[in-house]
Amino acid sequence: MEAFFASFGIVGVLFFFLLVLLWTLLPFAVFGIKDRLDQQIALLEKIEQSLAQQNQLRHSPRHLDGE
């Protein structure tokens, strides 16, 4: 194992530890983003419902008082 790290030098060792750190933190980042994505999906569904209602009102037959 020592020969493996000796061939890379200090830069290789630092890069290796950086990768280990990032790989360790990755699950926390994924689960943190998931909650925000769920909130955005709920908001988009509300917006779609609102737009559908507005579209339905805009294209519904209109009754005029004089006719």
PDB file of N, CA and C in Angstrom:
ATOM      1  N   MET A   1       0.830  -1.189   0.000  1.00  0.00           N
ATOM      2  CA  MET A   1       0.000   0.000   0.000  1.00  0.00           C
ATOM      3  C   MET A   1       0.871   1.247   0.000  1.00  0.00           C
ATOM      4  N   GLU A   2       2.022   1.151   0.665  1.00  0.00           N
ATOM      5  CA  GLU A   2       2.927   2.299   0.728  1.00  0.00           C
ATOM      6  C   GLU A   2       3.490   2.628  -0.649  1.00  0.00           C
ATOM      7  N   ALA A   3       3.780   1.615  -1.433  1.00  0.00           N
ATOM      8  CA  ALA A   3       4.287   1.848  -2.789  1.00  0.00           C
ATOM      9  C   ALA A   3       3.220   2.513  -3.653  1.00  0.00           C
ATOM     10  N   PHE A   4       1.973   2.185  -3.394  1.00  0.00           N
ATOM     11  CA  PHE A   4       0.869   2.796  -4.145  1.00  0.00           C
ATOM     12  C   PHE A   4       0.827   4.297  -3.899  1.00  0.00           C
ATOM     13  N   PHE A   5       0.887   4.710  -2.628  1.00  0.00           N
ATOM     14  CA  PHE A   5       0.849   6.133  -2.308  1.00  0.00           C
ATOM     15  C   PHE A   5       2.143   6.838  -2.688  1.00  0.00           C
ATOM     16  N   ALA A   6       3.261   6.148  -2.629  1.00  0.00           N
ATOM     17  CA  ALA A   6       4.543   6.761  -2.983  1.00  0.00           C
ATOM     18  C   ALA A   6       4.584   7.110  -4.463  1.00  0.00           C
ATOM     19  N   SER A   7       3.929   6.333  -5.286  1.00  0.00           N
ATOM     20  CA  SER A   7       3.939   6.620  -6.722  1.00  0.00           C
ATOM     21  C   SER A   7       3.110   7.860  -7.049  1.00  0.00           C
ATOM     22  N   PHE A   8       2.129   8.154  -6.263  1.00  0.00           N
ATOM     23  CA  PHE A   8       1.303   9.337  -6.507  1.00  0.00           C
ATOM     24  C   PHE A   8       1.871  10.593  -5.867  1.00  0.00           C
ATOM     25  N   GLY A   9       2.499  10.445  -4.757  1.00  0.00           N
ATOM     26  CA  GLY A   9       3.025  11.600  -4.060  1.00  0.00           C
ATOM     27  C   GLY A   9       1.946  12.272  -3.227  1.00  0.00           C
ATOM     28  N   ILE A  10       2.284  13.433  -2.728  1.00  0.00           N
ATOM     29  CA  ILE A  10       1.377  14.153  -1.832  1.00  0.00           C
ATOM     30  C   ILE A  10       0.111  14.609  -2.552  1.00  0.00           C
ATOM     31  N   VAL A  11       0.232  14.948  -3.836  1.00  0.00           N
ATOM     32  CA  VAL A  11      -0.941  15.394  -4.598  1.00  0.00           C
ATOM     33  C   VAL A  11      -1.939  14.248  -4.749  1.00  0.00           C
ATOM     34  N   GLY A  12      -1.440  13.070  -5.022  1.00  0.00           N
ATOM     35  CA  GLY A  12      -2.319  11.909  -5.157  1.00  0.00           C
ATOM     36  C   GLY A  12      -3.020  11.568  -3.857  1.00  0.00           C
ATOM     37  N   VAL A  13      -2.297  11.662  -2.760  1.00  0.00           N
ATOM     38  CA  VAL A  13      -2.882  11.371  -1.451  1.00  0.00           C
ATOM     39  C   VAL A  13      -3.963  12.391  -1.121  1.00  0.00           C
ATOM     40  N   LEU A  14      -3.690  13.670  -1.364  1.00  0.00           N
ATOM     41  CA  LEU A  14      -4.696  14.704  -1.104  1.00  0.00           C
ATOM     42  C   LEU A  14      -5.931  14.506  -1.983  1.00  0.00           C
ATOM     43  N   PHE A  15      -5.717  14.164  -3.234  1.00  0.00           N
ATOM     44  CA  PHE A  15      -6.835  13.908  -4.137  1.00  0.00           C
ATOM     45  C   PHE A  15      -7.656  12.714  -3.657  1.00  0.00           C
ATOM     46  N   PHE A  16      -6.984  11.670  -3.201  1.00  0.00           N
ATOM     47  CA  PHE A  16      -7.663  10.483  -2.687  1.00  0.00           C
ATOM     48  C   PHE A  16      -8.529  10.835  -1.480  1.00  0.00           C
ATOM     49  N   PHE A  17      -7.981  11.598  -0.541  1.00  0.00           N
ATOM     50  CA  PHE A  17      -8.755  11.974   0.644  1.00  0.00           C
ATOM     51  C   PHE A  17      -9.908  12.908   0.291  1.00  0.00           C
ATOM     52  N   LEU A  18      -9.715  13.744  -0.706  1.00  0.00           N
ATOM     53  CA  LEU A  18     -10.803  14.605  -1.168  1.00  0.00           C
ATOM     54  C   LEU A  18     -11.944  13.762  -1.737  1.00  0.00           C
ATOM     55  N   LEU A  19     -11.598  12.760  -2.520  1.00  0.00           N
ATOM     56  CA  LEU A  19     -12.628  11.870  -3.066  1.00  0.00           C
ATOM     57  C   LEU A  19     -13.360  11.107  -1.965  1.00  0.00           C
ATOM     58  N   VAL A  20     -12.629  10.645  -0.976  1.00  0.00           N
ATOM     59  CA  VAL A  20     -13.254   9.933   0.145  1.00  0.00           C
ATOM     60  C   VAL A  20     -14.203  10.862   0.891  1.00  0.00           C
ATOM     61  N   LEU A  21     -13.790  12.084   1.123  1.00  0.00           N
ATOM     62  CA  LEU A  21     -14.638  13.054   1.815  1.00  0.00           C
ATOM     63  C   LEU A  21     -15.904  13.343   1.014  1.00  0.00           C
ATOM     64  N   LEU A  22     -15.754  13.599  -0.277  1.00  0.00           N
ATOM     65  CA  LEU A  22     -16.922  13.883  -1.113  1.00  0.00           C
ATOM     66  C   LEU A  22     -17.860  12.681  -1.193  1.00  0.00           C
ATOM     67  N   TRP A  23     -17.318  11.487  -1.310  1.00  0.00           N
ATOM     68  CA  TRP A  23     -18.138  10.286  -1.392  1.00  0.00           C
ATOM     69  C   TRP A  23     -18.886  10.049  -0.077  1.00  0.00           C
ATOM     70  N   THR A  24     -18.281  10.449   1.044  1.00  0.00           N
ATOM     71  CA  THR A  24     -18.929  10.311   2.346  1.00  0.00           C
ATOM     72  C   THR A  24     -20.078  11.302   2.490  1.00  0.00           C
ATOM     73  N   LEU A  25     -19.913  12.513   1.963  1.00  0.00           N
ATOM     74  CA  LEU A  25     -20.938  13.548   2.094  1.00  0.00           C
ATOM     75  C   LEU A  25     -22.053  13.438   1.057  1.00  0.00           C
ATOM     76  N   LEU A  26     -21.849  12.674   0.018  1.00  0.00           N
ATOM     77  CA  LEU A  26     -22.818  12.573  -1.075  1.00  0.00           C
ATOM     78  C   LEU A  26     -24.221  12.166  -0.623  1.00  0.00           C
ATOM     79  N   PRO A  27     -24.412  11.155   0.199  1.00  0.00           N
ATOM     80  CA  PRO A  27     -25.787  10.782   0.590  1.00  0.00           C
ATOM     81  C   PRO A  27     -26.527  11.906   1.312  1.00  0.00           C
ATOM     82  N   PHE A  28     -25.824  12.679   2.120  1.00  0.00           N
ATOM     83  CA  PHE A  28     -26.475  13.776   2.826  1.00  0.00           C
ATOM     84  C   PHE A  28     -26.942  14.853   1.854  1.00  0.00           C
ATOM     85  N   ALA A  29     -26.159  15.109   0.840  1.00  0.00           N
ATOM     86  CA  ALA A  29     -26.541  16.098  -0.167  1.00  0.00           C
ATOM     87  C   ALA A  29     -27.752  15.619  -0.958  1.00  0.00           C
ATOM     88  N   VAL A  30     -27.785  14.348  -1.295  1.00  0.00           N
ATOM     89  CA  VAL A  30     -28.909  13.810  -2.076  1.00  0.00           C
ATOM     90  C   VAL A  30     -30.199  13.892  -1.273  1.00  0.00           C
ATOM     91  N   PHE A  31     -30.173  13.488  -0.015  1.00  0.00           N
ATOM     92  CA  PHE A  31     -31.389  13.535   0.789  1.00  0.00           C
ATOM     93  C   PHE A  31     -31.792  14.967   1.115  1.00  0.00           C
ATOM     94  N   GLY A  32     -30.847  15.878   1.216  1.00  0.00           N
ATOM     95  CA  GLY A  32     -31.180  17.282   1.441  1.00  0.00           C
ATOM     96  C   GLY A  32     -31.871  17.902   0.243  1.00  0.00           C
ATOM     97  N   ILE A  33     -31.460  17.523  -0.936  1.00  0.00           N
ATOM     98  CA  ILE A  33     -32.065  18.053  -2.157  1.00  0.00           C
ATOM     99  C   ILE A  33     -33.446  17.441  -2.379  1.00  0.00           C
ATOM    100  N   LYS A  34     -33.654  16.211  -1.946  1.00  0.00           N
ATOM    101  CA  LYS A  34     -34.917  15.520  -2.180  1.00  0.00           C
ATOM    102  C   LYS A  34     -36.089  16.279  -1.564  1.00  0.00           C
ATOM    103  N   ASP A  35     -35.943  16.795  -0.363  1.00  0.00           N
ATOM    104  CA  ASP A  35     -37.025  17.537   0.277  1.00  0.00           C
ATOM    105  C   ASP A  35     -37.381  18.788  -0.515  1.00  0.00           C
ATOM    106  N   ARG A  36     -36.366  19.494  -0.992  1.00  0.00           N
ATOM    107  CA  ARG A  36     -36.628  20.698  -1.780  1.00  0.00           C
ATOM    108  C   ARG A  36     -37.295  20.360  -3.105  1.00  0.00           C
ATOM    109  N   LEU A  37     -36.910  19.254  -3.708  1.00  0.00           N
ATOM    110  CA  LEU A  37     -37.551  18.844  -4.956  1.00  0.00           C
ATOM    111  C   LEU A  37     -39.016  18.483  -4.729  1.00  0.00           C
ATOM    112  N   ASP A  38     -39.315  17.836  -3.617  1.00  0.00           N
ATOM    113  CA  ASP A  38     -40.709  17.516  -3.308  1.00  0.00           C
ATOM    114  C   ASP A  38     -41.533  18.788  -3.134  1.00  0.00           C
ATOM    115  N   GLN A  39     -40.964  19.810  -2.507  1.00  0.00           N
ATOM    116  CA  GLN A  39     -41.668  21.085  -2.351  1.00  0.00           C
ATOM    117  C   GLN A  39     -41.905  21.748  -3.703  1.00  0.00           C
ATOM    118  N   GLN A  40     -40.925  21.705  -4.579  1.00  0.00           N
ATOM    119  CA  GLN A  40     -41.077  22.303  -5.903  1.00  0.00           C
ATOM    120  C   GLN A  40     -42.117  21.560  -6.724  1.00  0.00           C
ATOM    121  N   ILE A  41     -42.171  20.251  -6.603  1.00  0.00           N
ATOM    122  CA  ILE A  41     -43.173  19.469  -7.330  1.00  0.00           C
ATOM    123  C   ILE A  41     -44.571  19.838  -6.853  1.00  0.00           C
ATOM    124  N   ALA A  42     -44.756  19.975  -5.550  1.00  0.00           N
ATOM    125  CA  ALA A  42     -46.064  20.361  -5.014  1.00  0.00           C
ATOM    126  C   ALA A  42     -46.461  21.750  -5.508  1.00  0.00           C
ATOM    127  N   LEU A  43     -45.519  22.671  -5.527  1.00  0.00           N
ATOM    128  CA  LEU A  43     -45.806  24.021  -6.012  1.00  0.00           C
ATOM    129  C   LEU A  43     -46.167  24.006  -7.490  1.00  0.00           C
ATOM    130  N   LEU A  44     -45.457  23.229  -8.282  1.00  0.00           N
ATOM    131  CA  LEU A  44     -45.764  23.134  -9.712  1.00  0.00           C
ATOM    132  C   LEU A  44     -47.144  22.522  -9.947  1.00  0.00           C
ATOM    133  N   GLU A  45     -47.544  21.563  -9.128  1.00  0.00           N
ATOM    134  CA  GLU A  45     -48.875  20.983  -9.267  1.00  0.00           C
ATOM    135  C   GLU A  45     -49.949  22.023  -8.978  1.00  0.00           C
ATOM    136  N   LYS A  46     -49.744  22.875  -7.967  1.00  0.00           N
ATOM    137  CA  LYS A  46     -50.697  23.948  -7.674  1.00  0.00           C
ATOM    138  C   LYS A  46     -50.775  24.932  -8.831  1.00  0.00           C
ATOM    139  N   ILE A  47     -49.640  25.264  -9.406  1.00  0.00           N
ATOM    140  CA  ILE A  47     -49.616  26.192 -10.540  1.00  0.00           C
ATOM    141  C   ILE A  47     -50.344  25.586 -11.733  1.00  0.00           C
ATOM    142  N   GLU A  48     -50.135  24.310 -11.995  1.00  0.00           N
ATOM    143  CA  GLU A  48     -50.828  23.639 -13.099  1.00  0.00           C
ATOM    144  C   GLU A  48     -52.334  23.646 -12.888  1.00  0.00           C
ATOM    145  N   GLN A  49     -52.784  23.398 -11.661  1.00  0.00           N
ATOM    146  CA  GLN A  49     -54.216  23.432 -11.372  1.00  0.00           C
ATOM    147  C   GLN A  49     -54.783  24.828 -11.594  1.00  0.00           C
ATOM    148  N   SER A  50     -54.063  25.827 -11.145  1.00  0.00           N
ATOM    149  CA  SER A  50     -54.511  27.207 -11.322  1.00  0.00           C
ATOM    150  C   SER A  50     -54.595  27.569 -12.799  1.00  0.00           C
ATOM    151  N   LEU A  51     -53.608  27.182 -13.564  1.00  0.00           N
ATOM    152  CA  LEU A  51     -53.626  27.469 -15.002  1.00  0.00           C
ATOM    153  C   LEU A  51     -54.755  26.717 -15.703  1.00  0.00           C
ATOM    154  N   ALA A  52     -55.016  25.496 -15.284  1.00  0.00           N
ATOM    155  CA  ALA A  52     -56.109  24.732 -15.886  1.00  0.00           C
ATOM    156  C   ALA A  52     -57.450  25.393 -15.590  1.00  0.00           C
ATOM    157  N   GLN A  53     -57.633  25.894 -14.371  1.00  0.00           N
ATOM    158  CA  GLN A  53     -58.874  26.590 -14.025  1.00  0.00           C
ATOM    159  C   GLN A  53     -59.018  27.871 -14.833  1.00  0.00           C
ATOM    160  N   GLN A  54     -57.950  28.627 -14.972  1.00  0.00           N
ATOM    161  CA  GLN A  54     -58.004  29.856 -15.756  1.00  0.00           C
ATOM    162  C   GLN A  54     -58.296  29.556 -17.215  1.00  0.00           C
ATOM    163  N   ASN A  55     -57.708  28.510 -17.739  1.00  0.00           N
ATOM    164  CA  ASN A  55     -57.934  28.121 -19.128  1.00  0.00           C
ATOM    165  C   ASN A  55     -59.377  27.676 -19.333  1.00  0.00           C
ATOM    166  N   GLN A  56     -59.915  26.950 -18.360  1.00  0.00           N
ATOM    167  CA  GLN A  56     -61.293  26.484 -18.457  1.00  0.00           C
ATOM    168  C   GLN A  56     -62.258  27.667 -18.412  1.00  0.00           C
ATOM    169  N   LEU A  57     -62.018  28.643 -17.553  1.00  0.00           N
ATOM    170  CA  LEU A  57     -62.873  29.828 -17.480  1.00  0.00           C
ATOM    171  C   LEU A  57     -62.780  30.655 -18.751  1.00  0.00           C
ATOM    172  N   ARG A  58     -61.618  30.737 -19.317  1.00  0.00           N
ATOM    173  CA  ARG A  58     -61.408  31.545 -20.510  1.00  0.00           C
ATOM    174  C   ARG A  58     -62.123  30.947 -21.713  1.00  0.00           C
ATOM    175  N   HIS A  59     -62.192  29.627 -21.790  1.00  0.00           N
ATOM    176  CA  HIS A  59     -62.769  28.967 -22.955  1.00  0.00           C
ATOM    177  C   HIS A  59     -64.186  28.447 -22.717  1.00  0.00           C
ATOM    178  N   SER A  60     -64.775  28.755 -21.577  1.00  0.00           N
ATOM    179  CA  SER A  60     -66.147  28.314 -21.327  1.00  0.00           C
ATOM    180  C   SER A  60     -67.108  29.225 -22.085  1.00  0.00           C
ATOM    181  N   PRO A  61     -68.279  28.703 -22.476  1.00  0.00           N
ATOM    182  CA  PRO A  61     -69.245  29.547 -23.196  1.00  0.00           C
ATOM    183  C   PRO A  61     -69.740  30.669 -22.292  1.00  0.00           C
ATOM    184  N   ARG A  62     -69.830  31.836 -22.870  1.00  0.00           N
ATOM    185  CA  ARG A  62     -70.258  33.008 -22.102  1.00  0.00           C
ATOM    186  C   ARG A  62     -71.709  33.331 -22.454  1.00  0.00           C
ATOM    187  N   HIS A  63     -72.455  33.642 -21.435  1.00  0.00           N
ATOM    188  CA  HIS A  63     -73.856  34.010 -21.635  1.00  0.00           C
ATOM    189  C   HIS A  63     -73.968  35.514 -21.451  1.00  0.00           C
ATOM    190  N   LEU A  64     -74.493  36.158 -22.446  1.00  0.00           N
ATOM    191  CA  LEU A  64     -74.678  37.600 -22.380  1.00  0.00           C
ATOM    192  C   LEU A  64     -76.070  37.900 -21.848  1.00  0.00           C
ATOM    193  N   ASP A  65     -76.217  39.012 -21.137  1.00  0.00           N
ATOM    194  CA  ASP A  65     -77.503  39.370 -20.547  1.00  0.00           C
ATOM    195  C   ASP A  65     -78.543  39.697 -21.613  1.00  0.00           C
ATOM    196  N   GLY A  66     -78.142  40.245 -22.732  1.00  0.00           N
ATOM    197  CA  GLY A  66     -79.083  40.685 -23.760  1.00  0.00           C
ATOM    198  C   GLY A  66     -79.614  39.566 -24.625  1.00  0.00           C
ATOM    199  N   GLU A  67     -79.093  38.386 -24.545  1.00  0.00           N
ATOM    200  CA  GLU A  67     -79.526  37.311 -25.449  1.00  0.00           C
ATOM    201  C   GLU A  67     -80.350  36.279 -24.764  1.00  0.00           C
TER     202      GLU A  67
END
